[in-house]
Amino acid sequence: MEMDKIQWETKLDDLLCEIVASKEAYEKLATTEELPGRKHFFKEQALQRMEFETILSEEILVVKEGGMLKRRTPDTCVFDNVVATVTSRRLTAIEVDRLILQKEQDLIKKYQEVLEYPYIPDATDALLQSQAEDMNDVAQKLKLDLNLEENNF
């Protein structure tokens, strides 16, 4: 079934909520004492997501021709509970990498859902494709690092 413009705009709003949730998770992970070797990565991702949030917010306002941006609700996003999982379970670096990789892949799928809309404006398509590619690069790097860690290279 083909989605209509209202459904697509809702998915676009939901995507913004996902970006905000991932930014918040990375910000919190950057301040935890667990996995000090990953702090730089977490900070880097938080900054990237902050940039994505700003750009996507502006694009949504253009696409919707003004209006309000949807605010995220807790416990509904891909990255919700990541911090709690990392801190409460005392995960190893490999387990954290697996968790983050899975969440990144889930978030990329959210982008793909939004990109399925057949009437997406060219500028929005380019913006979303670029952000999804940046996240895919992160996921690929995580896969490589995880493979190296698991094989003790």
Protein backbone atom coordinates (compact mmCIF):
# COMPACT_ATOMS: atom_id res chain seq x y z
CA MET A 1 0.00 0.00 0.00
CA GLU A 2 1.33 3.38 -0.96
CA MET A 3 1.59 5.92 1.83
CA ASP A 4 -0.04 9.31 1.51
CA LYS A 5 1.53 12.67 2.32
CA ILE A 6 0.12 12.81 5.87
CA GLN A 7 1.50 9.35 6.69
CA TRP A 8 4.84 10.33 5.21
CA GLU A 9 4.97 13.57 7.20
CA THR A 10 4.21 11.55 10.34
CA LYS A 11 7.09 9.17 9.52
CA LEU A 12 9.31 12.21 8.94
CA ASP A 13 8.34 13.60 12.36
CA ASP A 14 8.98 10.18 13.90
CA LEU A 15 12.40 10.11 12.26
CA LEU A 16 13.24 13.42 13.90
CA CYS A 17 12.23 11.92 17.25
CA GLU A 18 14.55 8.99 16.55
CA ILE A 19 17.44 11.35 15.81
CA VAL A 20 16.80 13.25 19.05
CA ALA A 21 16.68 9.98 21.01
CA SER A 22 19.96 8.79 19.48
CA LYS A 23 21.60 12.15 20.21
CA GLU A 24 20.45 12.01 23.84
CA ALA A 25 21.67 8.43 24.21
CA TYR A 26 25.09 9.25 22.79
CA GLU A 27 25.36 12.36 25.01
CA LYS A 28 24.64 10.28 28.11
CA LEU A 29 26.99 7.49 27.03
CA ALA A 30 29.75 10.06 26.55
CA THR A 31 29.43 11.04 30.22
CA THR A 32 29.31 7.55 31.74
CA GLU A 33 32.33 5.98 33.37
CA GLU A 34 31.74 2.69 31.57
CA LEU A 35 33.91 2.17 28.51
CA PRO A 36 36.19 5.20 28.70
CA GLY A 37 37.77 4.10 25.42
CA ARG A 38 34.47 4.76 23.64
CA LYS A 39 33.87 8.30 24.95
CA HIS A 40 35.34 9.94 21.86
CA PHE A 41 33.08 7.86 19.59
CA PHE A 42 30.01 8.68 21.70
CA LYS A 43 30.81 12.41 21.69
CA GLU A 44 31.41 12.36 17.96
CA GLN A 45 28.06 10.65 17.36
CA ALA A 46 26.22 13.05 19.69
CA LEU A 47 27.60 16.00 17.71
CA GLN A 48 26.67 14.39 14.41
CA ARG A 49 23.12 13.73 15.62
CA MET A 50 22.81 17.29 16.90
CA GLU A 51 23.68 18.46 13.40
CA PHE A 52 21.22 15.98 11.87
CA GLU A 53 18.51 17.20 14.25
CA THR A 54 19.00 20.82 13.24
CA ILE A 55 19.05 20.10 9.52
CA LEU A 56 16.11 17.70 9.63
CA SER A 57 14.05 20.06 11.80
CA GLU A 58 14.54 22.84 9.28
CA GLU A 59 13.66 20.55 6.39
CA ILE A 60 10.48 19.33 8.09
CA LEU A 61 9.35 22.90 8.60
CA VAL A 62 9.92 23.58 4.90
CA VAL A 63 8.13 20.41 3.78
CA LYS A 64 5.20 21.03 6.11
CA GLU A 65 5.21 24.71 5.25
CA GLY A 66 5.57 25.70 8.90
CA GLY A 67 3.73 24.24 11.84
CA MET A 68 4.97 22.40 14.85
CA LEU A 69 7.63 19.75 15.15
CA LYS A 70 6.58 16.57 16.92
CA ARG A 71 8.25 16.14 20.29
CA ARG A 72 9.51 12.74 21.18
CA THR A 73 7.92 10.58 23.81
CA PRO A 74 10.16 8.39 25.97
CA ASP A 75 10.37 4.64 25.45
CA THR A 76 9.21 4.68 21.85
CA CYS A 77 12.47 5.15 19.98
CA VAL A 78 15.20 2.80 18.79
CA PHE A 79 17.85 4.28 21.11
CA ASP A 80 15.65 4.43 24.22
CA ASN A 81 17.03 2.27 27.03
CA VAL A 82 20.48 1.94 25.43
CA VAL A 83 22.14 3.87 28.25
CA ALA A 84 20.31 1.87 30.90
CA THR A 85 21.29 -1.37 29.20
CA VAL A 86 24.95 -0.37 28.97
CA THR A 87 25.19 0.88 32.56
CA SER A 88 23.04 -1.68 34.34
CA ARG A 89 24.41 -4.79 32.68
CA ARG A 90 28.06 -3.71 32.70
CA LEU A 91 28.47 -4.76 29.09
CA THR A 92 31.85 -5.46 27.59
CA ALA A 93 33.17 -3.30 24.77
CA ILE A 94 32.20 -5.97 22.25
CA GLU A 95 28.67 -6.22 23.66
CA VAL A 96 28.30 -2.44 23.52
CA ASP A 97 29.51 -2.40 19.93
CA ARG A 98 26.98 -5.10 19.03
CA LEU A 99 24.19 -3.16 20.73
CA ILE A 100 25.12 0.15 19.08
CA LEU A 101 25.50 -1.56 15.69
CA GLN A 102 22.01 -3.07 15.98
CA LYS A 103 20.52 0.28 16.99
CA GLU A 104 22.29 2.05 14.11
CA GLN A 105 20.95 -0.53 11.66
CA ASP A 106 17.43 -0.12 13.09
CA LEU A 107 17.70 3.65 12.70
CA ILE A 108 18.86 3.28 9.10
CA LYS A 109 15.71 1.22 8.46
CA LYS A 110 13.65 4.15 9.75
CA TYR A 111 15.33 6.35 7.17
CA GLN A 112 14.58 3.79 4.46
CA GLU A 113 10.89 3.79 5.44
CA VAL A 114 10.73 7.57 5.00
CA LEU A 115 12.62 7.36 1.71
CA GLU A 116 10.02 4.92 0.31
CA TYR A 117 7.55 7.77 -0.19
CA PRO A 118 7.23 8.15 -3.98
CA TYR A 119 6.64 11.91 -3.96
CA ILE A 120 9.51 12.95 -1.69
CA PRO A 121 10.90 16.37 -2.63
CA ASP A 122 14.36 16.19 -4.21
CA ALA A 123 16.03 18.29 -1.50
CA THR A 124 14.50 16.16 1.27
CA ASP A 125 15.51 12.97 -0.53
CA ALA A 126 19.11 14.19 -0.86
CA LEU A 127 19.25 15.25 2.79
CA LEU A 128 17.86 11.96 4.08
CA GLN A 129 20.07 9.92 1.75
CA SER A 130 23.13 11.80 2.98
CA GLN A 131 22.28 11.29 6.64
CA ALA A 132 21.48 7.61 6.09
CA GLU A 133 24.81 7.16 4.28
CA ASP A 134 26.66 8.82 7.16
CA MET A 135 24.99 6.45 9.61
CA ASN A 136 25.70 3.51 7.33
CA ASP A 137 29.38 4.50 7.35
CA VAL A 138 29.29 4.43 11.16
CA ALA A 139 27.62 1.01 11.09
CA GLN A 140 30.22 -0.33 8.65
CA LYS A 141 33.05 0.97 10.84
CA LEU A 142 31.42 -0.64 13.88
CA LYS A 143 31.14 -3.94 12.00
CA LEU A 144 34.81 -3.79 11.06
CA ASP A 145 35.90 -2.87 14.60
CA LEU A 146 33.70 -5.59 16.04
CA ASN A 147 35.14 -8.17 13.69
CA LEU A 148 38.67 -7.12 14.61
CA GLU A 149 37.89 -7.20 18.34
CA GLU A 150 36.19 -10.59 18.17
CA ASN A 151 39.09 -12.07 16.25
CA ASN A 152 41.72 -10.38 18.47
CA PHE A 153 43.55 -8.66 15.64
